[in-house]
Amino acid sequence: MSATSRPASATSTTTETTTTELPGDSPPTGFPGRDDKRDRLAERLQELRRRLDTPSDDQDVFELDLYSYDESLIVAADLLDVEVPKGARGEMSAQHRAQLEDRLAAAGIDVRS
């Protein structure tokens, strides 16, 4: 492919409706694949949140869970087009985490339940 050529697109025609999807496009909300991903992500976030709320003697496990939780919050925000607080993509503070949890709850994923 030359530097000026565009990636190939897939075109599908069904009963007077034509849609074009570029490689890497994700289906809009309401499609089963996206809803499944959202549900799995919500379950993962809720499980990680429960583990973080339960005291642990192993600091390494706690830190790994916290890192996984923060990364999953960002993935969920990206999936739902929720604004991530400035600076939270680097090292997330407790304030960033609370803001993101509130925004995700408003968008339909309440990790605190």
Protein backbone atom coordinates (compact mmCIF):
# COMPACT_ATOMS: atom_id res chain seq x y z
CA MET A 1 0.00 0.00 0.00
CA SER A 2 1.44 3.41 -0.91
CA ALA A 3 1.74 6.29 1.52
CA THR A 4 -1.24 8.01 -0.10
CA SER A 5 -3.58 5.04 -0.44
CA ARG A 6 -6.36 4.47 2.07
CA PRO A 7 -7.11 1.21 3.88
CA ALA A 8 -9.66 -1.04 2.24
CA SER A 9 -13.18 -0.85 3.57
CA ALA A 10 -15.86 -3.50 3.69
CA THR A 11 -19.21 -2.50 2.22
CA SER A 12 -22.39 -4.42 2.93
CA THR A 13 -25.72 -3.85 1.19
CA THR A 14 -28.99 -5.18 2.60
CA THR A 15 -32.46 -4.03 1.56
CA GLU A 16 -31.64 -0.50 0.45
CA THR A 17 -29.21 0.12 3.34
CA THR A 18 -25.49 0.46 2.73
CA THR A 19 -22.99 0.52 5.55
CA THR A 20 -19.26 0.95 5.37
CA GLU A 21 -16.95 -0.27 8.10
CA LEU A 22 -13.29 0.53 8.21
CA PRO A 23 -10.90 -2.01 9.70
CA GLY A 24 -10.79 -1.54 13.48
CA ASP A 25 -14.28 0.01 13.74
CA SER A 26 -16.28 -1.25 16.70
CA PRO A 27 -20.03 -1.82 16.51
CA PRO A 28 -22.29 0.89 17.92
CA THR A 29 -23.93 0.52 21.32
CA GLY A 30 -26.74 -2.02 21.27
CA PHE A 31 -24.84 -4.66 19.32
CA PRO A 32 -24.41 -7.91 21.28
CA GLY A 33 -20.58 -7.93 21.16
CA ARG A 34 -20.30 -4.49 22.69
CA ASP A 35 -22.89 -5.21 25.39
CA ASP A 36 -21.08 -8.45 26.32
CA LYS A 37 -17.79 -6.60 26.63
CA ARG A 38 -19.43 -3.93 28.76
CA ASP A 39 -21.00 -6.55 31.05
CA ARG A 40 -17.72 -8.45 31.46
CA LEU A 41 -15.89 -5.21 32.18
CA ALA A 42 -18.49 -4.18 34.77
CA GLU A 43 -18.17 -7.56 36.49
CA ARG A 44 -14.36 -7.28 36.50
CA LEU A 45 -14.49 -3.78 37.96
CA GLN A 46 -16.97 -4.82 40.65
CA GLU A 47 -14.84 -7.84 41.60
CA LEU A 48 -11.66 -5.75 41.77
CA ARG A 49 -13.47 -3.10 43.81
CA ARG A 50 -14.66 -5.77 46.31
CA ARG A 51 -11.10 -7.08 46.62
CA LEU A 52 -9.76 -3.56 47.20
CA ASP A 53 -12.39 -2.91 49.87
CA THR A 54 -11.38 -6.11 51.70
CA PRO A 55 -8.28 -5.73 53.88
CA SER A 56 -5.30 -7.73 52.63
CA ASP A 57 -2.06 -8.60 54.36
CA ASP A 58 -0.24 -8.85 51.04
CA GLN A 59 0.70 -5.34 49.87
CA ASP A 60 1.90 -6.64 46.49
CA VAL A 61 -1.50 -8.20 45.74
CA PHE A 62 -3.26 -4.99 46.79
CA GLU A 63 -1.05 -2.86 44.52
CA LEU A 64 -1.58 -5.22 41.58
CA ASP A 65 -5.36 -5.15 42.11
CA LEU A 66 -5.30 -1.35 42.36
CA TYR A 67 -3.29 -1.05 39.13
CA SER A 68 -5.67 -3.48 37.36
CA TYR A 69 -8.68 -1.57 38.70
CA ASP A 70 -7.35 1.80 37.52
CA GLU A 71 -6.53 0.42 34.06
CA SER A 72 -9.98 -1.19 33.82
CA LEU A 73 -11.63 2.11 34.81
CA ILE A 74 -9.88 3.79 31.88
CA VAL A 75 -10.88 1.00 29.49
CA ALA A 76 -14.50 1.35 30.63
CA ALA A 77 -14.36 5.12 30.21
CA ASP A 78 -13.01 4.74 26.69
CA LEU A 79 -15.67 2.14 25.85
CA LEU A 80 -18.49 4.40 27.06
CA ASP A 81 -16.99 7.68 25.81
CA VAL A 82 -16.69 8.97 29.38
CA GLU A 83 -14.22 11.77 30.02
CA VAL A 84 -11.13 10.63 31.94
CA PRO A 85 -9.91 13.26 34.45
CA LYS A 86 -6.78 15.07 33.33
CA GLY A 87 -3.69 13.30 34.61
CA ALA A 88 -5.53 10.07 35.48
CA ARG A 89 -4.02 8.17 32.55
CA GLY A 90 -0.59 8.58 34.13
CA GLU A 91 -0.90 7.86 37.82
CA MET A 92 -4.45 7.89 39.10
CA SER A 93 -5.10 9.63 42.41
CA ALA A 94 -7.92 8.70 44.78
CA GLN A 95 -9.74 11.87 43.64
CA HIS A 96 -9.39 10.90 39.95
CA ARG A 97 -10.63 7.40 40.79
CA ALA A 98 -13.72 8.75 42.60
CA GLN A 99 -14.51 11.14 39.72
CA LEU A 100 -14.19 8.36 37.18
CA GLU A 101 -16.36 6.00 39.26
CA ASP A 102 -19.06 8.71 39.43
CA ARG A 103 -18.89 9.37 35.68
CA LEU A 104 -19.04 5.66 34.87
CA ALA A 105 -22.03 5.21 37.20
CA ALA A 106 -23.83 8.00 35.34
CA ALA A 107 -23.01 6.23 32.04
CA GLY A 108 -24.37 2.88 33.24
CA ILE A 109 -21.52 1.03 34.97
CA ASP A 110 -21.72 1.41 38.73
CA VAL A 111 -18.62 -0.32 40.10
CA ARG A 112 -19.65 0.36 43.68
CA SER A 113 -22.61 -2.05 43.58
